[in-house]
Amino acid sequence: MSTEPASQVALEPIFVIEATYAPDAAEMRAPIRPQHLARIAELRDRGVIIEAGGYADVSSSLLLVRASNEAAALDIARDDVYMKNGVWVELRVRAFGRVVRPGEAR
């Protein structure tokens, strides 16, 4: 166990979005997956998305995002080609405190 004091860490307020896939998502997503992944990469490059990925069983995806509030976080997912084309059928968002070093939070 580390004896590092708590002052050496900070909490960055972010949002975790869980996007549920449609039952036939594995087939539906194929033609639009390149567009989806390019957008995720671009948002990562801009620091909006911290992490994103899907479960291997194609049940849902998780996105860790920086946004000003819950509505803005949901807008990020709603604007995705997967949501617009029915690959994702439900979105859930929760506020999350991400542990970072002081100065790492954006």
C-alpha atoms as a PDB file:
ATOM      1  CA  MET A   1       0.000   0.000   0.000  1.00  0.00           C
ATOM      2  CA  SER A   2       1.143   3.480  -0.791  1.00  0.00           C
ATOM      3  CA  THR A   3       1.626   5.963   1.992  1.00  0.00           C
ATOM      4  CA  GLU A   4       1.345   8.834  -0.466  1.00  0.00           C
ATOM      5  CA  PRO A   5      -0.787  11.625   0.992  1.00  0.00           C
ATOM      6  CA  ALA A   6      -4.210  12.370  -0.467  1.00  0.00           C
ATOM      7  CA  SER A   7      -2.985  15.843  -1.436  1.00  0.00           C
ATOM      8  CA  GLN A   8      -1.050  14.158  -4.236  1.00  0.00           C
ATOM      9  CA  VAL A   9      -4.257  13.257  -6.046  1.00  0.00           C
ATOM     10  CA  ALA A  10      -7.295  15.141  -7.274  1.00  0.00           C
ATOM     11  CA  LEU A  11     -10.713  14.226  -8.609  1.00  0.00           C
ATOM     12  CA  GLU A  12     -11.614  15.254 -12.129  1.00  0.00           C
ATOM     13  CA  PRO A  13     -15.386  15.420 -12.651  1.00  0.00           C
ATOM     14  CA  ILE A  14     -16.249  13.456 -15.780  1.00  0.00           C
ATOM     15  CA  PHE A  15     -19.195  11.407 -17.066  1.00  0.00           C
ATOM     16  CA  VAL A  16     -19.468   7.719 -17.843  1.00  0.00           C
ATOM     17  CA  ILE A  17     -21.887   6.862 -20.629  1.00  0.00           C
ATOM     18  CA  GLU A  18     -23.100   3.329 -21.178  1.00  0.00           C
ATOM     19  CA  ALA A  19     -24.566   2.790 -24.634  1.00  0.00           C
ATOM     20  CA  THR A  20     -26.613  -0.381 -25.098  1.00  0.00           C
ATOM     21  CA  TYR A  21     -26.355  -2.101 -28.457  1.00  0.00           C
ATOM     22  CA  ALA A  22     -29.342  -3.225 -30.504  1.00  0.00           C
ATOM     23  CA  PRO A  23     -29.784  -7.023 -30.669  1.00  0.00           C
ATOM     24  CA  ASP A  24     -28.452  -7.074 -34.251  1.00  0.00           C
ATOM     25  CA  ALA A  25     -25.740  -4.462 -33.677  1.00  0.00           C
ATOM     26  CA  ALA A  26     -22.879  -6.696 -34.776  1.00  0.00           C
ATOM     27  CA  GLU A  27     -24.295  -6.719 -38.306  1.00  0.00           C
ATOM     28  CA  MET A  28     -25.732  -3.191 -38.295  1.00  0.00           C
ATOM     29  CA  ARG A  29     -22.545  -1.456 -37.254  1.00  0.00           C
ATOM     30  CA  ALA A  30     -20.241  -2.898 -39.918  1.00  0.00           C
ATOM     31  CA  PRO A  31     -20.906  -0.318 -42.677  1.00  0.00           C
ATOM     32  CA  ILE A  32     -20.706   2.688 -40.334  1.00  0.00           C
ATOM     33  CA  ARG A  33     -18.020   1.488 -37.917  1.00  0.00           C
ATOM     34  CA  PRO A  34     -15.164   3.350 -39.688  1.00  0.00           C
ATOM     35  CA  GLN A  35     -17.075   6.633 -39.336  1.00  0.00           C
ATOM     36  CA  HIS A  36     -17.849   5.892 -35.668  1.00  0.00           C
ATOM     37  CA  LEU A  37     -14.235   5.019 -34.839  1.00  0.00           C
ATOM     38  CA  ALA A  38     -12.874   8.072 -36.675  1.00  0.00           C
ATOM     39  CA  ARG A  39     -15.137  10.330 -34.622  1.00  0.00           C
ATOM     40  CA  ILE A  40     -14.126   8.641 -31.363  1.00  0.00           C
ATOM     41  CA  ALA A  41     -10.450   9.086 -32.290  1.00  0.00           C
ATOM     42  CA  GLU A  42     -10.989  12.754 -33.150  1.00  0.00           C
ATOM     43  CA  LEU A  43     -12.783  13.395 -29.836  1.00  0.00           C
ATOM     44  CA  ARG A  44      -9.977  11.604 -27.983  1.00  0.00           C
ATOM     45  CA  ASP A  45      -7.419  13.788 -29.752  1.00  0.00           C
ATOM     46  CA  ARG A  46      -9.363  16.858 -28.580  1.00  0.00           C
ATOM     47  CA  GLY A  47      -9.515  15.542 -24.995  1.00  0.00           C
ATOM     48  CA  VAL A  48     -13.306  15.228 -24.960  1.00  0.00           C
ATOM     49  CA  ILE A  49     -13.284  11.454 -24.764  1.00  0.00           C
ATOM     50  CA  ILE A  50     -10.869   9.984 -22.251  1.00  0.00           C
ATOM     51  CA  GLU A  51     -11.588   6.356 -23.039  1.00  0.00           C
ATOM     52  CA  ALA A  52     -14.080   4.436 -25.151  1.00  0.00           C
ATOM     53  CA  GLY A  53     -14.703   0.852 -26.059  1.00  0.00           C
ATOM     54  CA  GLY A  54     -17.221  -1.930 -26.299  1.00  0.00           C
ATOM     55  CA  TYR A  55     -17.698  -5.168 -24.443  1.00  0.00           C
ATOM     56  CA  ALA A  56     -16.635  -8.240 -26.428  1.00  0.00           C
ATOM     57  CA  ASP A  57     -20.161  -9.678 -26.250  1.00  0.00           C
ATOM     58  CA  VAL A  58     -21.507  -6.610 -28.134  1.00  0.00           C
ATOM     59  CA  SER A  59     -23.909  -5.821 -25.288  1.00  0.00           C
ATOM     60  CA  SER A  60     -22.856  -2.238 -24.632  1.00  0.00           C
ATOM     61  CA  SER A  61     -20.104   0.334 -24.916  1.00  0.00           C
ATOM     62  CA  LEU A  62     -18.596   2.652 -22.336  1.00  0.00           C
ATOM     63  CA  LEU A  63     -17.424   6.177 -22.973  1.00  0.00           C
ATOM     64  CA  LEU A  64     -15.606   8.292 -20.398  1.00  0.00           C
ATOM     65  CA  VAL A  65     -16.129  11.907 -21.398  1.00  0.00           C
ATOM     66  CA  ARG A  66     -15.355  15.406 -20.290  1.00  0.00           C
ATOM     67  CA  ALA A  67     -18.445  17.594 -20.468  1.00  0.00           C
ATOM     68  CA  SER A  68     -19.855  20.579 -18.612  1.00  0.00           C
ATOM     69  CA  ASN A  69     -22.944  18.680 -17.465  1.00  0.00           C
ATOM     70  CA  GLU A  70     -24.973  15.506 -17.955  1.00  0.00           C
ATOM     71  CA  ALA A  71     -26.936  16.891 -20.900  1.00  0.00           C
ATOM     72  CA  ALA A  72     -23.742  17.863 -22.726  1.00  0.00           C
ATOM     73  CA  ALA A  73     -22.303  14.396 -22.066  1.00  0.00           C
ATOM     74  CA  LEU A  74     -25.408  12.763 -23.528  1.00  0.00           C
ATOM     75  CA  ASP A  75     -25.224  15.031 -26.571  1.00  0.00           C
ATOM     76  CA  ILE A  76     -21.778  13.594 -27.344  1.00  0.00           C
ATOM     77  CA  ALA A  77     -23.266  10.098 -27.578  1.00  0.00           C
ATOM     78  CA  ARG A  78     -26.481  11.211 -29.287  1.00  0.00           C
ATOM     79  CA  ASP A  79     -24.429  12.827 -32.060  1.00  0.00           C
ATOM     80  CA  ASP A  80     -22.663   9.547 -32.795  1.00  0.00           C
ATOM     81  CA  VAL A  81     -23.485   7.667 -35.990  1.00  0.00           C
ATOM     82  CA  TYR A  82     -24.226   4.552 -33.906  1.00  0.00           C
ATOM     83  CA  MET A  83     -27.023   6.294 -32.032  1.00  0.00           C
ATOM     84  CA  LYS A  84     -28.355   8.025 -35.132  1.00  0.00           C
ATOM     85  CA  ASN A  85     -28.547   4.698 -37.005  1.00  0.00           C
ATOM     86  CA  GLY A  86     -29.967   2.455 -34.283  1.00  0.00           C
ATOM     87  CA  VAL A  87     -26.790   0.537 -33.444  1.00  0.00           C
ATOM     88  CA  TRP A  88     -27.036   1.980 -29.937  1.00  0.00           C
ATOM     89  CA  VAL A  89     -30.584   1.914 -28.603  1.00  0.00           C
ATOM     90  CA  GLU A  90     -30.225   3.283 -25.073  1.00  0.00           C
ATOM     91  CA  LEU A  91     -27.893   5.683 -23.291  1.00  0.00           C
ATOM     92  CA  ARG A  92     -27.273   6.000 -19.570  1.00  0.00           C
ATOM     93  CA  VAL A  93     -24.997   8.614 -18.031  1.00  0.00           C
ATOM     94  CA  ARG A  94     -23.542   9.000 -14.560  1.00  0.00           C
ATOM     95  CA  ALA A  95     -21.245  11.577 -13.019  1.00  0.00           C
ATOM     96  CA  PHE A  96     -17.895  10.080 -12.035  1.00  0.00           C
ATOM     97  CA  GLY A  97     -14.898  11.307 -10.070  1.00  0.00           C
ATOM     98  CA  ARG A  98     -11.736  10.322 -11.950  1.00  0.00           C
ATOM     99  CA  VAL A  99      -8.614  10.110  -9.804  1.00  0.00           C
ATOM    100  CA  VAL A 100      -5.768  12.108 -11.331  1.00  0.00           C
ATOM    101  CA  ARG A 101      -2.583  13.831 -10.235  1.00  0.00           C
ATOM    102  CA  PRO A 102      -2.951  17.556  -9.513  1.00  0.00           C
ATOM    103  CA  GLY A 103      -2.607  19.380 -12.811  1.00  0.00           C
ATOM    104  CA  GLU A 104      -3.736  16.391 -14.927  1.00  0.00           C
ATOM    105  CA  ALA A 105      -7.419  17.343 -14.799  1.00  0.00           C
ATOM    106  CA  ARG A 106      -8.602  19.481 -17.674  1.00  0.00           C
END
